[in-house]
């Protein structure tokens, strides 16, 4: 038996960063993503977000990879959102995403950060946070180089 504990902090956005307008709408979407993940054997420790993005702390299982997990979570949830008319307009997720490894000692910090998205984004826009992620995790070196 394989024993794995590989924590990953995932962040993705709505297409063109269109808002998921209400907190109730977002919570319904996050609840659905969590239920769908459980059915597919994807372990989500915590999920939350703000008007145009999602933060998700997961632990990879044996045989799982990030691209496949995101395809399952994003693809199924956008289908579900449109089928159930959760959004007033056609809903889509952006193709791009962040995936950052998280050490065991950082799990609680990431969990708390994810829980507090509403308050966090009253002080800092997602665009500012996005640029900080690009710089902090040196993704700009991959994009420009």
N, C-alpha and C. Protein backbone atom coordinates (compact mmCIF):
# COMPACT_ATOMS: atom_id res chain seq x y z
N UNK A 1 0.84 -1.18 0.00
CA UNK A 1 0.00 0.00 0.00
C UNK A 1 0.89 1.24 0.00
N UNK A 2 0.52 2.21 -0.81
CA UNK A 2 1.26 3.48 -0.86
C UNK A 2 0.69 4.44 0.18
N UNK A 3 1.56 5.09 0.91
CA UNK A 3 1.16 6.13 1.85
C UNK A 3 1.63 7.46 1.30
N UNK A 4 0.69 8.31 0.97
CA UNK A 4 1.02 9.62 0.40
C UNK A 4 0.40 10.72 1.22
N UNK A 5 1.12 11.80 1.35
CA UNK A 5 0.56 13.02 1.89
C UNK A 5 1.25 14.15 1.12
N UNK A 6 0.64 14.51 0.03
CA UNK A 6 1.17 15.57 -0.82
C UNK A 6 0.10 16.66 -0.89
N UNK A 7 0.32 17.71 -0.12
CA UNK A 7 -0.63 18.81 -0.06
C UNK A 7 -0.39 19.78 -1.22
N UNK A 8 -1.48 20.26 -1.80
CA UNK A 8 -1.40 21.21 -2.91
C UNK A 8 -2.46 22.29 -2.70
N UNK A 9 -2.04 23.53 -2.85
CA UNK A 9 -2.94 24.68 -2.79
C UNK A 9 -3.26 25.05 -4.24
N UNK A 10 -4.52 24.89 -4.62
CA UNK A 10 -4.98 25.20 -5.98
C UNK A 10 -5.74 26.52 -5.97
N UNK A 11 -5.54 27.31 -7.01
CA UNK A 11 -6.29 28.55 -7.18
C UNK A 11 -6.67 28.63 -8.65
N UNK A 12 -7.97 28.86 -8.91
CA UNK A 12 -8.41 29.08 -10.28
C UNK A 12 -9.49 30.14 -10.30
N UNK A 13 -9.73 30.68 -11.49
CA UNK A 13 -10.67 31.80 -11.62
C UNK A 13 -11.79 31.48 -12.58
N UNK A 14 -12.82 32.30 -12.50
CA UNK A 14 -13.90 32.23 -13.47
C UNK A 14 -13.39 32.78 -14.80
N UNK A 15 -14.02 32.39 -15.88
CA UNK A 15 -13.65 32.88 -17.21
C UNK A 15 -13.74 34.40 -17.23
N UNK A 16 -12.68 35.04 -17.69
CA UNK A 16 -12.59 36.51 -17.74
C UNK A 16 -12.82 37.16 -16.38
N UNK A 17 -12.64 36.36 -15.34
CA UNK A 17 -12.82 36.82 -13.96
C UNK A 17 -14.21 37.42 -13.72
N UNK A 18 -15.19 36.81 -14.37
CA UNK A 18 -16.59 37.21 -14.15
C UNK A 18 -16.97 36.83 -12.72
N UNK A 19 -17.71 37.67 -12.03
CA UNK A 19 -18.01 37.38 -10.63
C UNK A 19 -19.07 36.30 -10.42
N UNK A 20 -18.86 35.52 -9.37
CA UNK A 20 -19.90 34.65 -8.82
C UNK A 20 -20.56 35.54 -7.78
N UNK A 21 -21.66 36.14 -8.10
CA UNK A 21 -22.15 37.35 -7.46
C UNK A 21 -22.35 37.28 -5.95
N UNK A 22 -23.07 36.34 -5.47
CA UNK A 22 -23.41 36.37 -4.05
C UNK A 22 -22.61 35.34 -3.27
N UNK A 23 -22.51 35.58 -1.97
CA UNK A 23 -21.85 34.62 -1.10
C UNK A 23 -22.61 33.30 -1.10
N UNK A 24 -23.94 33.36 -1.17
CA UNK A 24 -24.75 32.14 -1.21
C UNK A 24 -24.47 31.33 -2.47
N UNK A 25 -24.35 32.02 -3.60
CA UNK A 25 -24.04 31.34 -4.86
C UNK A 25 -22.67 30.66 -4.77
N UNK A 26 -21.69 31.40 -4.26
CA UNK A 26 -20.35 30.83 -4.12
C UNK A 26 -20.38 29.61 -3.20
N UNK A 27 -21.08 29.72 -2.07
CA UNK A 27 -21.12 28.60 -1.12
C UNK A 27 -21.77 27.38 -1.75
N UNK A 28 -22.83 27.60 -2.52
CA UNK A 28 -23.49 26.48 -3.20
C UNK A 28 -22.52 25.80 -4.18
N UNK A 29 -21.75 26.60 -4.90
CA UNK A 29 -20.77 26.05 -5.84
C UNK A 29 -19.68 25.30 -5.10
N UNK A 30 -19.15 25.90 -4.03
CA UNK A 30 -18.08 25.24 -3.28
C UNK A 30 -18.57 23.94 -2.64
N UNK A 31 -19.79 23.95 -2.11
CA UNK A 31 -20.37 22.72 -1.55
C UNK A 31 -20.48 21.64 -2.61
N UNK A 32 -20.95 22.03 -3.80
CA UNK A 32 -21.09 21.05 -4.88
C UNK A 32 -19.72 20.50 -5.30
N UNK A 33 -18.73 21.37 -5.44
CA UNK A 33 -17.39 20.90 -5.81
C UNK A 33 -16.90 19.90 -4.77
N UNK A 34 -17.11 20.19 -3.49
CA UNK A 34 -16.69 19.27 -2.43
C UNK A 34 -17.39 17.92 -2.51
N UNK A 35 -18.69 17.94 -2.74
CA UNK A 35 -19.46 16.68 -2.86
C UNK A 35 -19.01 15.89 -4.08
N UNK A 36 -18.82 16.56 -5.20
CA UNK A 36 -18.37 15.90 -6.41
C UNK A 36 -16.97 15.30 -6.23
N UNK A 37 -16.09 16.04 -5.57
CA UNK A 37 -14.73 15.56 -5.33
C UNK A 37 -14.76 14.28 -4.50
N UNK A 38 -15.58 14.29 -3.46
CA UNK A 38 -15.67 13.11 -2.60
C UNK A 38 -16.11 11.88 -3.40
N UNK A 39 -17.10 12.05 -4.28
CA UNK A 39 -17.57 10.94 -5.12
C UNK A 39 -16.47 10.42 -6.04
N UNK A 40 -15.55 11.30 -6.43
CA UNK A 40 -14.49 10.92 -7.36
C UNK A 40 -13.19 10.54 -6.65
N UNK A 41 -13.23 10.47 -5.30
CA UNK A 41 -12.05 10.07 -4.55
C UNK A 41 -10.98 11.15 -4.48
N UNK A 42 -11.39 12.40 -4.61
CA UNK A 42 -10.47 13.53 -4.50
C UNK A 42 -10.63 14.12 -3.11
N UNK A 43 -9.52 14.20 -2.36
CA UNK A 43 -9.59 14.69 -0.99
C UNK A 43 -9.40 16.21 -0.97
N UNK A 44 -10.49 16.93 -0.69
CA UNK A 44 -10.42 18.37 -0.49
C UNK A 44 -10.47 18.63 1.01
N UNK A 45 -9.42 19.21 1.51
CA UNK A 45 -9.37 19.57 2.92
C UNK A 45 -10.20 20.82 3.17
N UNK A 46 -10.06 21.81 2.29
CA UNK A 46 -10.81 23.05 2.47
C UNK A 46 -10.96 23.74 1.12
N UNK A 47 -12.14 24.33 0.91
CA UNK A 47 -12.40 25.08 -0.32
C UNK A 47 -13.15 26.36 0.05
N UNK A 48 -12.76 27.43 -0.59
CA UNK A 48 -13.41 28.72 -0.40
C UNK A 48 -12.92 29.63 -1.52
N UNK A 49 -13.35 30.84 -1.52
CA UNK A 49 -12.89 31.78 -2.53
C UNK A 49 -13.60 33.10 -2.39
N UNK A 50 -13.57 33.84 -3.46
CA UNK A 50 -14.22 35.15 -3.48
C UNK A 50 -14.93 35.29 -4.81
N UNK A 51 -15.29 36.48 -5.19
CA UNK A 51 -16.22 36.67 -6.30
C UNK A 51 -15.75 36.08 -7.62
N UNK A 52 -14.45 36.03 -7.88
CA UNK A 52 -14.00 35.55 -9.18
C UNK A 52 -12.98 34.42 -9.12
N UNK A 53 -12.77 33.86 -7.94
CA UNK A 53 -11.76 32.81 -7.85
C UNK A 53 -12.04 31.82 -6.71
N UNK A 54 -11.33 30.70 -6.80
CA UNK A 54 -11.48 29.60 -5.84
C UNK A 54 -10.10 29.24 -5.31
N UNK A 55 -10.04 29.01 -3.99
CA UNK A 55 -8.86 28.43 -3.35
C UNK A 55 -9.27 27.06 -2.86
N UNK A 56 -8.41 26.09 -3.06
CA UNK A 56 -8.74 24.72 -2.69
C UNK A 56 -7.47 24.05 -2.16
N UNK A 57 -7.54 23.52 -0.96
CA UNK A 57 -6.42 22.76 -0.39
C UNK A 57 -6.75 21.29 -0.52
N UNK A 58 -5.92 20.58 -1.29
CA UNK A 58 -6.17 19.16 -1.53
C UNK A 58 -4.96 18.34 -1.09
N UNK A 59 -5.20 17.06 -0.95
CA UNK A 59 -4.12 16.11 -0.75
C UNK A 59 -4.22 15.10 -1.90
N UNK A 60 -3.15 15.01 -2.66
CA UNK A 60 -3.15 14.08 -3.80
C UNK A 60 -3.16 12.63 -3.33
N UNK A 61 -3.93 11.82 -4.00
CA UNK A 61 -3.95 10.39 -3.73
C UNK A 61 -3.07 9.66 -4.73
N UNK A 62 -2.84 8.40 -4.47
CA UNK A 62 -2.05 7.57 -5.36
C UNK A 62 -2.71 7.53 -6.74
N UNK A 63 -1.94 7.78 -7.76
CA UNK A 63 -2.46 7.74 -9.13
C UNK A 63 -3.16 9.02 -9.57
N UNK A 64 -3.23 10.02 -8.71
CA UNK A 64 -3.89 11.27 -9.09
C UNK A 64 -2.85 12.28 -9.56
N UNK A 65 -3.27 13.15 -10.47
CA UNK A 65 -2.41 14.26 -10.85
C UNK A 65 -3.24 15.54 -10.91
N UNK A 66 -2.57 16.64 -10.82
CA UNK A 66 -3.24 17.94 -10.69
C UNK A 66 -4.10 18.26 -11.91
N UNK A 67 -3.58 18.05 -13.11
CA UNK A 67 -4.37 18.34 -14.32
C UNK A 67 -5.69 17.57 -14.33
N UNK A 68 -5.62 16.30 -14.02
CA UNK A 68 -6.82 15.46 -14.03
C UNK A 68 -7.81 15.91 -12.95
N UNK A 69 -7.31 16.20 -11.75
CA UNK A 69 -8.18 16.66 -10.67
C UNK A 69 -8.88 17.95 -11.07
N UNK A 70 -8.14 18.90 -11.60
CA UNK A 70 -8.75 20.17 -11.99
C UNK A 70 -9.74 19.99 -13.14
N UNK A 71 -9.43 19.12 -14.07
CA UNK A 71 -10.37 18.84 -15.15
C UNK A 71 -11.68 18.30 -14.58
N UNK A 72 -11.59 17.37 -13.63
CA UNK A 72 -12.79 16.79 -13.03
C UNK A 72 -13.57 17.83 -12.22
N UNK A 73 -12.87 18.62 -11.42
CA UNK A 73 -13.56 19.59 -10.57
C UNK A 73 -14.14 20.75 -11.37
N UNK A 74 -13.34 21.34 -12.24
CA UNK A 74 -13.79 22.51 -12.99
C UNK A 74 -14.82 22.12 -14.06
N UNK A 75 -14.54 21.06 -14.80
CA UNK A 75 -15.44 20.66 -15.88
C UNK A 75 -16.82 20.26 -15.39
N UNK A 76 -16.84 19.41 -14.38
CA UNK A 76 -18.13 18.96 -13.85
C UNK A 76 -18.89 20.10 -13.20
N UNK A 77 -18.18 20.96 -12.45
CA UNK A 77 -18.88 22.04 -11.74
C UNK A 77 -19.44 23.08 -12.71
N UNK A 78 -18.73 23.41 -13.78
CA UNK A 78 -19.29 24.38 -14.74
C UNK A 78 -20.52 23.77 -15.44
N UNK A 79 -20.45 22.48 -15.75
CA UNK A 79 -21.62 21.80 -16.33
C UNK A 79 -22.80 21.88 -15.36
N UNK A 80 -22.56 21.57 -14.08
CA UNK A 80 -23.60 21.58 -13.05
C UNK A 80 -24.17 22.98 -12.85
N UNK A 81 -23.31 23.99 -12.81
CA UNK A 81 -23.75 25.38 -12.63
C UNK A 81 -24.69 25.78 -13.76
N UNK A 82 -24.32 25.46 -15.00
CA UNK A 82 -25.15 25.81 -16.16
C UNK A 82 -26.44 25.00 -16.20
N UNK A 83 -26.34 23.71 -15.93
CA UNK A 83 -27.52 22.84 -15.95
C UNK A 83 -28.56 23.29 -14.93
N UNK A 84 -28.09 23.70 -13.75
CA UNK A 84 -28.99 24.10 -12.67
C UNK A 84 -29.26 25.61 -12.63
N UNK A 85 -28.76 26.32 -13.64
CA UNK A 85 -29.00 27.76 -13.77
C UNK A 85 -28.63 28.52 -12.48
N UNK A 86 -27.48 28.17 -11.91
CA UNK A 86 -26.97 28.84 -10.73
C UNK A 86 -26.52 30.26 -11.10
N UNK A 87 -26.03 30.40 -12.32
CA UNK A 87 -25.58 31.69 -12.84
C UNK A 87 -26.61 32.21 -13.84
N UNK A 88 -26.74 33.53 -13.91
CA UNK A 88 -27.68 34.15 -14.86
C UNK A 88 -27.19 34.02 -16.31
N UNK A 89 -25.88 33.89 -16.49
CA UNK A 89 -25.29 33.77 -17.82
C UNK A 89 -24.50 32.47 -17.90
N UNK A 90 -24.06 32.11 -19.11
CA UNK A 90 -23.26 30.90 -19.29
C UNK A 90 -22.01 30.99 -18.42
N UNK A 91 -21.79 29.95 -17.64
CA UNK A 91 -20.69 29.95 -16.68
C UNK A 91 -19.53 29.12 -17.21
N UNK A 92 -18.32 29.64 -17.04
CA UNK A 92 -17.11 28.91 -17.40
C UNK A 92 -16.00 29.26 -16.42
N UNK A 93 -15.06 28.32 -16.27
CA UNK A 93 -13.84 28.57 -15.52
C UNK A 93 -12.74 28.92 -16.52
N UNK A 94 -11.80 29.75 -16.08
CA UNK A 94 -10.61 30.06 -16.88
C UNK A 94 -9.76 28.81 -16.99
N UNK A 95 -9.04 28.64 -18.09
CA UNK A 95 -8.18 27.47 -18.25
C UNK A 95 -7.00 27.47 -17.28
N UNK A 96 -6.42 28.63 -17.05
CA UNK A 96 -5.22 28.69 -16.21
C UNK A 96 -5.54 28.46 -14.73
N UNK A 97 -4.51 28.09 -13.99
CA UNK A 97 -4.65 27.89 -12.55
C UNK A 97 -3.27 27.95 -11.91
N UNK A 98 -3.25 28.09 -10.60
CA UNK A 98 -2.03 27.96 -9.80
C UNK A 98 -2.11 26.64 -9.06
N UNK A 99 -0.98 25.98 -8.91
CA UNK A 99 -0.88 24.80 -8.05
C UNK A 99 0.44 24.92 -7.31
N UNK A 100 0.38 25.05 -6.00
CA UNK A 100 1.56 25.27 -5.19
C UNK A 100 1.63 24.18 -4.13
N UNK A 101 2.78 23.53 -4.03
CA UNK A 101 2.94 22.50 -2.99
C UNK A 101 2.96 23.17 -1.63
N UNK A 102 2.45 22.43 -0.65
CA UNK A 102 2.34 22.95 0.71
C UNK A 102 2.96 21.92 1.65
N UNK A 103 3.93 22.37 2.44
CA UNK A 103 4.53 21.51 3.44
C UNK A 103 3.57 21.27 4.59
N UNK A 104 3.74 20.15 5.27
CA UNK A 104 2.87 19.79 6.39
C UNK A 104 2.78 20.91 7.43
N UNK A 105 3.89 21.59 7.67
CA UNK A 105 3.91 22.66 8.68
C UNK A 105 3.13 23.91 8.22
N UNK A 106 2.79 24.00 6.94
CA UNK A 106 2.08 25.16 6.40
C UNK A 106 0.59 24.90 6.17
N UNK A 107 0.13 23.69 6.38
CA UNK A 107 -1.26 23.33 6.08
C UNK A 107 -2.24 24.21 6.84
N UNK A 108 -2.04 24.39 8.14
CA UNK A 108 -2.97 25.21 8.92
C UNK A 108 -2.99 26.66 8.44
N UNK A 109 -1.84 27.21 8.08
CA UNK A 109 -1.78 28.58 7.57
C UNK A 109 -2.57 28.72 6.27
N UNK A 110 -2.39 27.77 5.35
CA UNK A 110 -3.12 27.81 4.08
C UNK A 110 -4.61 27.63 4.32
N UNK A 111 -4.97 26.75 5.22
CA UNK A 111 -6.38 26.52 5.57
C UNK A 111 -7.01 27.81 6.10
N UNK A 112 -6.33 28.49 7.02
CA UNK A 112 -6.85 29.74 7.59
C UNK A 112 -6.94 30.83 6.53
N UNK A 113 -5.93 30.93 5.70
CA UNK A 113 -5.93 31.90 4.61
C UNK A 113 -7.12 31.65 3.68
N UNK A 114 -7.37 30.40 3.37
CA UNK A 114 -8.48 30.03 2.49
C UNK A 114 -9.82 30.35 3.15
N UNK A 115 -9.94 30.09 4.45
CA UNK A 115 -11.18 30.38 5.17
C UNK A 115 -11.54 31.86 5.13
N UNK A 116 -10.55 32.73 5.14
CA UNK A 116 -10.77 34.16 5.31
C UNK A 116 -10.73 34.95 4.01
N UNK A 117 -11.13 34.35 2.92
CA UNK A 117 -11.07 35.04 1.63
C UNK A 117 -11.92 36.31 1.58
N UNK A 118 -13.10 36.26 2.14
CA UNK A 118 -14.00 37.43 2.10
C UNK A 118 -13.32 38.64 2.74
N UNK A 119 -12.79 38.48 3.94
CA UNK A 119 -12.12 39.58 4.62
C UNK A 119 -10.81 39.96 3.94
N UNK A 120 -10.07 38.96 3.50
CA UNK A 120 -8.79 39.21 2.84
C UNK A 120 -8.96 40.11 1.63
N UNK A 121 -10.00 39.86 0.84
CA UNK A 121 -10.17 40.63 -0.40
C UNK A 121 -10.90 41.95 -0.20
N UNK A 122 -11.28 42.25 1.01
CA UNK A 122 -11.73 43.62 1.31
C UNK A 122 -10.51 44.54 1.38
N UNK A 123 -9.35 43.96 1.66
CA UNK A 123 -8.11 44.73 1.80
C UNK A 123 -7.23 44.67 0.55
N UNK A 124 -7.34 43.58 -0.20
CA UNK A 124 -6.45 43.38 -1.35
C UNK A 124 -7.23 42.76 -2.50
N UNK A 125 -7.12 43.35 -3.67
CA UNK A 125 -7.83 42.84 -4.84
C UNK A 125 -7.21 41.51 -5.30
N UNK A 126 -8.01 40.74 -6.02
CA UNK A 126 -7.47 39.50 -6.56
C UNK A 126 -6.38 39.79 -7.57
N UNK A 127 -6.52 40.85 -8.36
CA UNK A 127 -5.48 41.20 -9.34
C UNK A 127 -4.14 41.45 -8.64
N UNK A 128 -4.17 42.15 -7.52
CA UNK A 128 -2.94 42.40 -6.75
C UNK A 128 -2.40 41.08 -6.21
N UNK A 129 -3.27 40.26 -5.67
CA UNK A 129 -2.86 38.96 -5.14
C UNK A 129 -2.28 38.08 -6.25
N UNK A 130 -2.91 38.11 -7.41
CA UNK A 130 -2.45 37.34 -8.57
C UNK A 130 -1.00 37.71 -8.92
N UNK A 131 -0.74 39.01 -9.00
CA UNK A 131 0.62 39.46 -9.32
C UNK A 131 1.61 39.04 -8.24
N UNK A 132 1.19 39.09 -6.99
CA UNK A 132 2.06 38.65 -5.89
C UNK A 132 2.35 37.16 -5.97
N UNK A 133 1.34 36.34 -6.32
CA UNK A 133 1.55 34.90 -6.50
C UNK A 133 2.56 34.66 -7.62
N UNK A 134 2.38 35.33 -8.74
CA UNK A 134 3.29 35.18 -9.89
C UNK A 134 4.73 35.46 -9.45
N UNK A 135 4.91 36.55 -8.73
CA UNK A 135 6.24 36.95 -8.30
C UNK A 135 6.79 36.05 -7.18
N UNK A 136 5.98 35.83 -6.13
CA UNK A 136 6.44 35.07 -4.97
C UNK A 136 6.87 33.65 -5.34
N UNK A 137 6.10 33.01 -6.21
CA UNK A 137 6.40 31.63 -6.58
C UNK A 137 7.22 31.52 -7.86
N UNK A 138 7.69 32.69 -8.33
CA UNK A 138 8.60 32.79 -9.48
C UNK A 138 8.00 32.19 -10.77
N UNK A 139 6.68 32.28 -10.90
CA UNK A 139 6.04 31.83 -12.13
C UNK A 139 6.42 32.75 -13.29
N UNK A 140 6.76 34.01 -12.99
CA UNK A 140 7.14 34.93 -14.04
C UNK A 140 8.41 34.46 -14.76
N UNK A 141 9.26 33.72 -14.09
CA UNK A 141 10.47 33.18 -14.72
C UNK A 141 10.09 32.15 -15.78
N UNK A 142 9.00 31.41 -15.57
CA UNK A 142 8.55 30.42 -16.54
C UNK A 142 7.88 31.09 -17.73
N UNK A 143 7.14 32.15 -17.45
CA UNK A 143 6.36 32.83 -18.49
C UNK A 143 7.29 33.62 -19.40
N UNK A 144 8.23 34.37 -18.82
CA UNK A 144 9.06 35.24 -19.62
C UNK A 144 10.31 34.55 -20.14
N UNK A 145 10.71 33.44 -19.57
CA UNK A 145 11.97 32.84 -19.94
C UNK A 145 11.81 31.61 -20.72
